[in-house]
């Protein structure tokens, strides 16, 4: 049974040991979790369900999966040992799809799913790719013999999974929407409907959408979620956006959420909360692209290719002494991506720093920050503390969020909704 060169059949990874970065076994692969999408798009792989010892199951997102081979799965980062709970819009491949009857065409013989393959489509992003079908009515269980055919996922015409059908259609449609469009949909819903849909949305999708909502709706929505889910969503948000939202919550609730967040994520947010809202320290994100002086142009370009980076953060690389996590060692300067693209790959980036680019002080006010961006025509600016350590970067969208009128998000969403309605009925 052979799939494409990059496909991995899920039955072959079931039971494989899961190792952390140090080579220690965390548990074993129990299943693969996928998110259903709109018609015509194969389900997206969200991550692995890993069974620890004593049958405790946890979720490991695909962004943490470094490698999968015939004998093991290797993951990175800190393991979240919170017990796995499936949401309505999610499907477990082994538990829900294996042995499920499907339809390929009107005249095709009955078939059941024998196996499913997944493949990477870009960095740390996977989707279901192929299905192994056992054909014939006698093929209802694995133990029965029957001809096995491997087909592309797109050839499956009918697939019914009997759970969570209430909001499936809308969730599947939202899967391929941009964050601003999901925010518009949520903005137009009643509070009850919004809470129902939010509970079924993927964490990252909901986090991105919340960032696009007006501030009062952000607060309302986060309050409607369970405390554990709200903490998960805040972890997925950009630290500066999460800090802005937490600052609007009651102190008791804010502290409870921070305690439940992953320590590293909570640390970044707490650091941002120490700054006044309209200062460079309050506007910045603590996660710019940072490299040592001996890094090359090739190293820098590889770093900014990270699909998790926003375009604004990817346009500038900052050169610092160790440590390279904020607050860093001494800040040496920045290199714009346009300069990197013009230089040989082996050139050291320390030779390319823009010596005329003075960093912003963490205490600079909004007026000074706005003037700085206008003066240097930048979309990304470094922020340093009193000892010249890089502590973050401000992107132009962070500035615009605070320069525009307070209700600009709500006004924009209302205008988009009116335009959408006119187009739909025109």
Protein backbone atom coordinates (compact mmCIF):
# COMPACT_ATOMS: atom_id res chain seq x y z
CA UNK A 1 0.00 0.00 0.00
CA UNK A 2 1.97 2.99 -1.28
CA UNK A 3 0.95 6.64 -1.20
CA UNK A 4 2.78 9.63 -2.54
CA UNK A 5 6.37 10.18 -1.46
CA UNK A 6 5.46 12.74 1.20
CA UNK A 7 2.28 11.12 2.51
CA UNK A 8 2.18 9.37 5.88
CA UNK A 9 -0.48 6.72 6.45
CA UNK A 10 -1.90 7.24 9.90
CA UNK A 11 -2.24 3.55 10.81
CA UNK A 12 1.55 3.32 10.52
CA UNK A 13 2.20 6.00 13.14
CA UNK A 14 -0.40 4.76 15.62
CA UNK A 15 1.44 3.49 18.66
CA UNK A 16 4.80 5.04 17.70
CA UNK A 17 6.79 6.48 20.62
CA UNK A 18 6.74 10.29 20.89
CA UNK A 19 10.11 11.73 21.95
CA UNK A 20 10.91 15.24 23.18
CA UNK A 21 13.93 17.28 22.10
CA UNK A 22 16.12 15.56 24.70
CA UNK A 23 15.25 12.12 23.33
CA UNK A 24 13.06 11.12 26.26
CA UNK A 25 9.79 9.32 25.55
CA UNK A 26 6.71 11.42 26.31
CA UNK A 27 4.09 8.85 25.29
CA UNK A 28 2.68 7.12 22.21
CA UNK A 29 0.64 8.33 19.24
CA UNK A 30 -3.01 7.47 19.82
CA UNK A 31 -4.76 9.38 17.03
CA UNK A 32 -4.61 12.35 14.65
CA UNK A 33 -6.95 15.33 15.09
CA UNK A 34 -8.25 17.13 11.99
CA UNK A 35 -10.41 20.20 11.34
CA UNK A 36 -13.13 19.88 8.72
CA UNK A 37 -13.07 22.56 6.02
CA UNK A 38 -15.32 23.86 3.27
CA UNK A 39 -16.37 21.53 0.44
CA UNK A 40 -13.50 20.96 -1.99
CA UNK A 41 -10.79 21.33 0.65
CA UNK A 42 -9.35 18.32 2.51
CA UNK A 43 -9.41 18.48 6.32
CA UNK A 44 -6.49 20.27 7.94
CA UNK A 45 -4.39 18.30 10.43
CA UNK A 46 -4.37 20.13 13.76
CA UNK A 47 -2.12 17.80 15.71
CA UNK A 48 -1.56 14.46 17.41
CA UNK A 49 -3.40 12.93 20.32
CA UNK A 50 -0.66 11.41 22.47
CA UNK A 51 -1.32 8.89 25.19
CA UNK A 52 0.88 9.30 28.23
CA UNK A 53 1.40 6.60 30.77
CA UNK A 54 -1.74 5.65 32.78
CA UNK A 55 -3.86 6.29 29.63
CA UNK A 56 -3.87 10.07 30.08
CA UNK A 57 -4.29 11.67 26.64
CA UNK A 58 -2.95 15.09 25.64
CA UNK A 59 -2.88 17.15 22.44
CA UNK A 60 0.33 18.08 20.60
CA UNK A 61 -0.18 20.66 17.79
CA UNK A 62 1.52 20.00 14.46
CA UNK A 63 3.66 23.12 14.88
CA UNK A 64 5.45 21.18 17.64
CA UNK A 65 6.08 18.09 15.49
CA UNK A 66 9.67 18.19 14.23
CA UNK A 67 9.81 14.84 12.44
CA UNK A 68 7.85 11.67 11.73
CA UNK A 69 9.53 8.47 10.57
CA UNK A 70 8.92 4.72 10.68
CA UNK A 71 10.03 4.27 14.29
CA UNK A 72 9.29 7.49 16.18
CA UNK A 73 7.79 10.96 16.29
CA UNK A 74 9.95 13.82 17.61
CA UNK A 75 8.40 16.96 19.06
CA UNK A 76 9.79 20.26 20.33
CA UNK A 77 8.88 22.70 23.06
CA UNK A 78 7.17 22.24 26.41
CA UNK A 79 4.47 19.56 26.57
CA UNK A 80 1.09 20.77 27.79
CA UNK A 81 -0.22 17.90 29.93
CA UNK A 82 -3.81 19.19 30.06
CA UNK A 83 -6.20 16.35 29.28
CA UNK A 84 -7.31 16.30 25.62
CA UNK A 85 -10.94 17.20 24.89
CA UNK A 86 -12.31 17.20 21.36
CA UNK A 87 -14.44 20.11 20.14
CA UNK A 88 -17.54 19.82 17.97
CA UNK A 89 -15.83 20.82 14.71
CA UNK A 90 -12.96 18.38 15.16
CA UNK A 91 -12.58 14.80 13.93
CA UNK A 92 -10.33 11.99 15.14
CA UNK A 93 -9.04 10.05 12.14
CA UNK A 94 -8.72 6.62 13.76
CA UNK A 95 -11.72 6.79 16.08
CA UNK A 96 -14.12 8.55 13.67
CA UNK A 97 -13.00 7.78 10.10
CA UNK A 98 -11.51 4.29 10.12
CA UNK A 99 -14.18 1.74 9.14
CA UNK A 100 -16.60 4.50 8.08
CA UNK A 101 -18.69 3.81 4.96
CA UNK A 102 -18.17 6.36 2.17
CA UNK A 103 -19.45 7.13 -1.32
CA UNK A 104 -17.17 7.70 -4.30
CA UNK A 105 -19.65 7.80 -7.22
CA UNK A 106 -23.22 6.79 -7.94
CA UNK A 107 -22.30 3.44 -9.49
CA UNK A 108 -19.34 2.57 -7.27
CA UNK A 109 -19.51 -0.43 -4.94
CA UNK A 110 -19.87 0.24 -1.21
CA UNK A 111 -16.56 0.99 0.47
CA UNK A 112 -15.24 1.64 3.92
CA UNK A 113 -12.16 3.58 5.00
CA UNK A 114 -9.28 1.23 5.74
CA UNK A 115 -6.60 3.91 6.24
CA UNK A 116 -6.01 7.64 5.73
CA UNK A 117 -2.82 9.45 4.71
CA UNK A 118 -1.70 12.97 5.55
CA UNK A 119 0.95 15.13 3.92
CA UNK A 120 2.75 18.42 4.66
CA UNK A 121 1.63 21.23 2.36
CA UNK A 122 3.90 23.92 3.79
CA UNK A 123 6.07 24.49 6.83
CA UNK A 124 4.37 22.84 9.85
CA UNK A 125 1.02 22.66 8.05
CA UNK A 126 -0.50 19.29 7.11
CA UNK A 127 -3.72 18.09 5.50
CA UNK A 128 -5.36 14.74 4.72
CA UNK A 129 -4.27 13.61 1.25
CA UNK A 130 -5.31 10.03 0.42
CA UNK A 131 -7.77 7.38 1.54
CA UNK A 132 -7.29 3.61 1.44
CA UNK A 133 -10.71 2.06 0.74
CA UNK A 134 -11.72 -1.55 1.16
CA UNK A 135 -14.45 -2.11 -1.40
CA UNK A 136 -17.47 -4.38 -1.33
CA UNK A 137 -20.30 -4.87 1.14
CA UNK A 138 -18.33 -7.62 2.89
CA UNK A 139 -15.65 -5.12 3.81
CA UNK A 140 -17.52 -3.65 6.76
CA UNK A 141 -14.85 -4.67 9.25
CA UNK A 142 -11.08 -4.81 8.98
CA UNK A 143 -11.00 -8.52 9.56
CA UNK A 144 -12.85 -9.24 6.32
CA UNK A 145 -10.97 -9.61 3.09
CA UNK A 146 -11.57 -7.18 0.27
CA UNK A 147 -9.80 -5.26 -2.46
CA UNK A 148 -7.98 -2.14 -1.18
CA UNK A 149 -7.81 0.93 -3.40
CA UNK A 150 -5.95 4.15 -2.63
CA UNK A 151 -7.69 7.29 -3.87
CA UNK A 152 -7.19 11.01 -3.46
CA UNK A 153 -9.20 12.59 -0.66
CA UNK A 154 -11.02 14.79 -3.22
CA UNK A 155 -12.64 11.69 -4.79
CA UNK A 156 -14.72 11.03 -1.67
CA UNK A 157 -18.18 12.39 -2.42
CA UNK A 158 -19.98 11.65 0.83
CA UNK A 159 -18.56 11.51 4.33
CA UNK A 160 -20.78 11.66 7.39
CA UNK A 161 -19.33 11.76 10.90
CA UNK A 162 -21.99 11.53 13.58
CA UNK A 163 -20.97 14.22 16.03
CA UNK A 164 -21.21 17.98 16.36
CA UNK A 165 -23.25 18.74 13.24
CA UNK A 166 -24.95 21.88 14.65
CA UNK A 167 -22.40 24.45 13.52
CA UNK A 168 -20.24 22.31 11.23
CA UNK A 169 -21.17 24.07 7.99
CA UNK A 170 -20.30 27.51 9.33
CA UNK A 171 -17.09 26.33 10.99
CA UNK A 172 -15.98 24.61 7.78
CA UNK A 173 -16.65 27.81 5.85
CA UNK A 174 -14.69 29.89 8.37
CA UNK A 175 -11.67 27.59 8.13
CA UNK A 176 -10.64 29.19 4.82
CA UNK A 177 -11.62 32.77 5.71
CA UNK A 178 -9.21 35.53 6.60
CA UNK A 179 -9.25 36.64 10.24
CA UNK A 180 -11.01 39.92 9.45
CA UNK A 181 -13.81 38.04 7.65
CA UNK A 182 -14.27 35.66 10.59
CA UNK A 183 -14.40 38.69 12.88
CA UNK A 184 -17.10 40.21 10.68
CA UNK A 185 -19.15 37.02 10.93
CA UNK A 186 -18.78 36.97 14.73
CA UNK A 187 -19.57 40.69 14.94
CA UNK A 188 -22.90 40.15 13.15
CA UNK A 189 -24.03 37.27 15.42
CA UNK A 190 -26.17 37.39 18.52
CA UNK A 191 -24.14 36.90 21.72
CA UNK A 192 -25.58 33.40 22.13
CA UNK A 193 -24.73 32.35 18.56
CA UNK A 194 -21.27 33.94 18.82
CA UNK A 195 -20.51 31.95 21.98
CA UNK A 196 -21.68 28.73 20.29
CA UNK A 197 -19.51 29.27 17.21
CA UNK A 198 -16.51 30.43 19.27
CA UNK A 199 -16.63 27.23 21.32
CA UNK A 200 -16.26 25.17 18.12
CA UNK A 201 -13.61 27.27 16.35
CA UNK A 202 -9.95 26.29 16.26
CA UNK A 203 -7.88 28.14 18.91
CA UNK A 204 -5.64 29.92 16.40
CA UNK A 205 -8.54 30.89 14.14
CA UNK A 206 -10.51 32.30 17.08
CA UNK A 207 -7.47 34.13 18.46
CA UNK A 208 -6.78 35.78 15.10
CA UNK A 209 -10.44 36.80 14.79
CA UNK A 210 -10.59 38.25 18.32
CA UNK A 211 -7.66 40.50 17.46
CA UNK A 212 -9.80 41.99 14.68
CA UNK A 213 -12.86 42.66 16.88
CA UNK A 214 -13.66 45.93 18.68
CA UNK A 215 -12.26 46.03 22.20
CA UNK A 216 -15.63 45.71 23.98
CA UNK A 217 -16.51 42.62 21.90
CA UNK A 218 -13.11 41.09 22.64
CA UNK A 219 -13.76 41.43 26.35
CA UNK A 220 -17.32 40.10 26.08
CA UNK A 221 -16.24 37.07 24.07
CA UNK A 222 -13.30 36.13 26.29
CA UNK A 223 -15.60 36.31 29.33
CA UNK A 224 -18.03 33.88 27.69
CA UNK A 225 -15.35 31.20 27.28
CA UNK A 226 -14.34 28.79 30.01
CA UNK A 227 -11.28 29.94 31.92
CA UNK A 228 -9.13 27.15 30.47
CA UNK A 229 -10.23 27.93 26.90
CA UNK A 230 -9.75 31.68 27.39
CA UNK A 231 -6.18 31.04 28.55
CA UNK A 232 -5.56 28.88 25.45
CA UNK A 233 -6.85 31.66 23.19
CA UNK A 234 -4.69 34.31 24.88
CA UNK A 235 -1.63 32.08 24.35
CA UNK A 236 -2.35 32.03 20.61
CA UNK A 237 -2.75 35.82 20.35
CA UNK A 238 0.15 38.17 19.70
CA UNK A 239 1.55 39.08 23.15
CA UNK A 240 0.83 42.80 22.70
CA UNK A 241 -2.79 42.12 21.71
CA UNK A 242 -3.20 39.68 24.59
CA UNK A 243 -1.81 42.27 27.00
CA UNK A 244 -4.21 44.93 25.71
CA UNK A 245 -7.14 42.56 26.22
CA UNK A 246 -6.07 41.37 29.68
CA UNK A 247 -5.65 45.00 30.76
CA UNK A 248 -9.39 45.50 30.16
CA UNK A 249 -10.43 42.61 32.43
CA UNK A 250 -11.11 42.68 36.15
CA UNK A 251 -7.81 42.19 38.07
CA UNK A 252 -8.95 38.87 39.59
CA UNK A 253 -9.92 37.41 36.21
CA UNK A 254 -6.76 38.76 34.55
CA UNK A 255 -4.53 37.14 37.17
CA UNK A 256 -6.42 33.84 36.96
CA UNK A 257 -5.93 33.73 33.19
CA UNK A 258 -2.24 34.60 33.44
CA UNK A 259 -1.75 31.79 35.99
CA UNK A 260 -3.34 29.29 33.59
CA UNK A 261 -1.32 30.36 30.54
CA UNK A 262 1.93 28.65 29.58
CA UNK A 263 4.69 30.25 31.73
CA UNK A 264 6.66 31.58 28.76
CA UNK A 265 3.60 33.19 27.14
CA UNK A 266 2.43 34.64 30.45
CA UNK A 267 5.89 36.08 31.13
CA UNK A 268 5.82 38.07 27.86
CA UNK A 269 2.34 39.41 28.60
CA UNK A 270 3.20 40.38 32.20
CA UNK A 271 6.24 42.28 30.96
CA UNK A 272 4.10 44.27 28.50
CA UNK A 273 1.50 45.04 31.18
CA UNK A 274 4.13 46.94 33.17
CA UNK A 275 4.22 49.68 30.53
CA UNK A 276 1.70 52.46 30.10
CA UNK A 277 -0.65 51.82 27.16
CA UNK A 278 0.50 54.70 24.95
CA UNK A 279 4.26 54.14 25.23
CA UNK A 280 6.65 52.21 22.98
CA UNK A 281 6.89 49.51 25.67
CA UNK A 282 3.12 49.16 25.75
CA UNK A 283 2.83 49.04 21.95
CA UNK A 284 5.61 46.57 21.16
CA UNK A 285 5.67 42.82 20.62
CA UNK A 286 8.48 40.98 22.47
CA UNK A 287 9.05 38.50 19.60
CA UNK A 288 10.92 40.19 16.72
CA UNK A 289 13.45 38.33 14.55
CA UNK A 290 16.76 38.36 16.44
CA UNK A 291 20.10 36.93 15.29
CA UNK A 292 23.72 37.01 16.56
CA UNK A 293 26.46 39.07 14.85
CA UNK A 294 28.03 35.98 13.26
CA UNK A 295 24.81 34.99 11.44
CA UNK A 296 24.92 35.18 7.65
CA UNK A 297 22.51 36.61 5.12
CA UNK A 298 21.43 33.03 4.38
CA UNK A 299 20.64 32.52 8.09
CA UNK A 300 18.63 35.75 8.18
CA UNK A 301 16.58 34.93 5.08
CA UNK A 302 15.83 31.48 6.47
CA UNK A 303 14.56 33.09 9.69
CA UNK A 304 12.17 35.51 7.97
CA UNK A 305 10.69 32.71 5.84
CA UNK A 306 8.90 31.42 8.95
CA UNK A 307 5.22 31.25 8.00
CA UNK A 308 4.24 32.17 11.57
CA UNK A 309 5.76 35.65 11.18
CA UNK A 310 3.56 38.56 10.11
CA UNK A 311 4.81 40.44 7.01
CA UNK A 312 5.59 43.46 9.19
CA UNK A 313 7.80 41.49 11.60
CA UNK A 314 9.49 39.59 8.76
CA UNK A 315 10.73 42.75 7.05
CA UNK A 316 13.45 43.50 9.63
CA UNK A 317 16.14 41.42 11.34
CA UNK A 318 17.74 42.68 14.54
CA UNK A 319 21.35 41.94 15.47
CA UNK A 320 22.12 41.58 19.19
CA UNK A 321 24.66 40.15 21.58
CA UNK A 322 23.65 37.04 23.53
CA UNK A 323 21.14 36.28 24.98
CA UNK A 324 18.98 36.40 21.86
CA UNK A 325 15.60 36.33 23.60
CA UNK A 326 14.18 39.64 24.78
CA UNK A 327 15.52 41.37 26.76
CA UNK A 328 18.64 40.60 24.73
CA UNK A 329 22.26 41.47 25.17
CA UNK A 330 23.41 44.76 23.69
CA UNK A 331 21.45 45.86 20.61
CA UNK A 332 23.77 46.35 17.60
CA UNK A 333 21.32 47.37 14.88
CA UNK A 334 18.77 46.28 12.33
CA UNK A 335 18.94 45.00 8.75
CA UNK A 336 16.01 45.41 6.38
CA UNK A 337 14.96 42.43 4.27
CA UNK A 338 15.53 44.45 1.07
CA UNK A 339 19.21 44.82 2.01
CA UNK A 340 19.44 41.09 2.72
CA UNK A 341 18.06 40.28 -0.71
CA UNK A 342 20.81 42.34 -2.38
CA UNK A 343 23.79 40.73 -0.61
CA UNK A 344 25.66 37.41 -1.08
CA UNK A 345 24.33 34.61 1.16
CA UNK A 346 27.67 34.21 2.99
CA UNK A 347 27.90 37.88 4.08
CA UNK A 348 27.74 38.44 7.84
CA UNK A 349 24.68 40.48 8.79
CA UNK A 350 26.74 42.44 11.35
CA UNK A 351 28.37 44.17 8.36
CA UNK A 352 24.96 45.28 7.05
CA UNK A 353 23.35 46.92 10.09
CA UNK A 354 21.80 50.32 9.51
CA UNK A 355 23.91 52.58 11.72
CA UNK A 356 21.58 55.54 11.11
CA UNK A 357 18.58 53.76 12.62
CA UNK A 358 18.29 54.88 16.23
CA UNK A 359 16.08 52.59 18.32
CA UNK A 360 13.06 53.82 20.23
CA UNK A 361 13.17 54.13 23.99
CA UNK A 362 10.64 51.98 25.84
CA UNK A 363 9.27 55.17 27.45
CA UNK A 364 8.69 57.04 24.15
CA UNK A 365 5.09 58.26 23.88
CA UNK A 366 2.68 57.59 21.02
CA UNK A 367 3.38 60.94 19.38
CA UNK A 368 7.13 60.25 19.31
CA UNK A 369 6.57 56.72 17.98
CA UNK A 370 4.27 57.98 15.18
CA UNK A 371 6.79 60.66 14.20
CA UNK A 372 9.58 58.05 14.19
CA UNK A 373 7.68 55.82 11.74
CA UNK A 374 6.88 58.76 9.47
CA UNK A 375 10.49 59.99 9.52
CA UNK A 376 12.13 56.66 8.68
CA UNK A 377 9.34 55.23 6.45
CA UNK A 378 9.36 51.99 8.44
CA UNK A 379 6.85 49.24 9.12
CA UNK A 380 8.88 47.74 12.00
CA UNK A 381 10.94 49.61 14.64
CA UNK A 382 13.23 48.40 17.47
CA UNK A 383 12.54 49.24 21.12
CA UNK A 384 15.34 49.22 23.74
CA UNK A 385 15.54 49.72 27.49
CA UNK A 386 17.82 52.14 29.36
CA UNK A 387 20.76 49.71 29.04
CA UNK A 388 20.38 49.42 25.26
CA UNK A 389 19.01 45.88 25.35
CA UNK A 390 16.44 45.04 22.68
CA UNK A 391 13.13 44.36 24.43
CA UNK A 392 10.79 44.24 21.43
CA UNK A 393 9.66 45.80 18.17
CA UNK A 394 6.70 47.93 17.16
CA UNK A 395 4.96 47.29 13.85
CA UNK A 396 3.04 49.96 11.99
CA UNK A 397 -0.29 48.22 12.60
CA UNK A 398 0.32 48.53 16.37
CA UNK A 399 0.67 52.29 15.90
CA UNK A 400 -2.41 52.60 13.69
CA UNK A 401 -4.50 50.68 16.23
CA UNK A 402 -3.90 53.50 18.70
CA UNK A 403 -3.88 56.48 16.32
CA UNK A 404 -7.24 55.68 14.71
CA UNK A 405 -10.51 56.46 16.56
CA UNK A 406 -11.34 54.07 19.41
CA UNK A 407 -14.28 52.48 17.60
CA UNK A 408 -12.58 52.11 14.22
CA UNK A 409 -12.79 48.30 14.27
CA UNK A 410 -16.52 48.30 14.93
CA UNK A 411 -17.11 50.94 12.26
CA UNK A 412 -15.06 49.01 9.73
CA UNK A 413 -16.86 45.74 10.48
CA UNK A 414 -20.24 47.46 10.16
CA UNK A 415 -19.20 48.89 6.78
CA UNK A 416 -17.90 45.50 5.61
CA UNK A 417 -21.14 43.83 6.71
CA UNK A 418 -23.23 46.41 4.83
CA UNK A 419 -21.08 45.97 1.71
CA UNK A 420 -21.24 42.17 2.00
CA UNK A 421 -25.02 42.28 2.32
CA UNK A 422 -25.35 44.60 -0.68
CA UNK A 423 -23.14 42.34 -2.81
CA UNK A 424 -25.06 39.23 -1.73
CA UNK A 425 -28.42 40.76 -2.63
CA UNK A 426 -27.35 42.89 -5.59
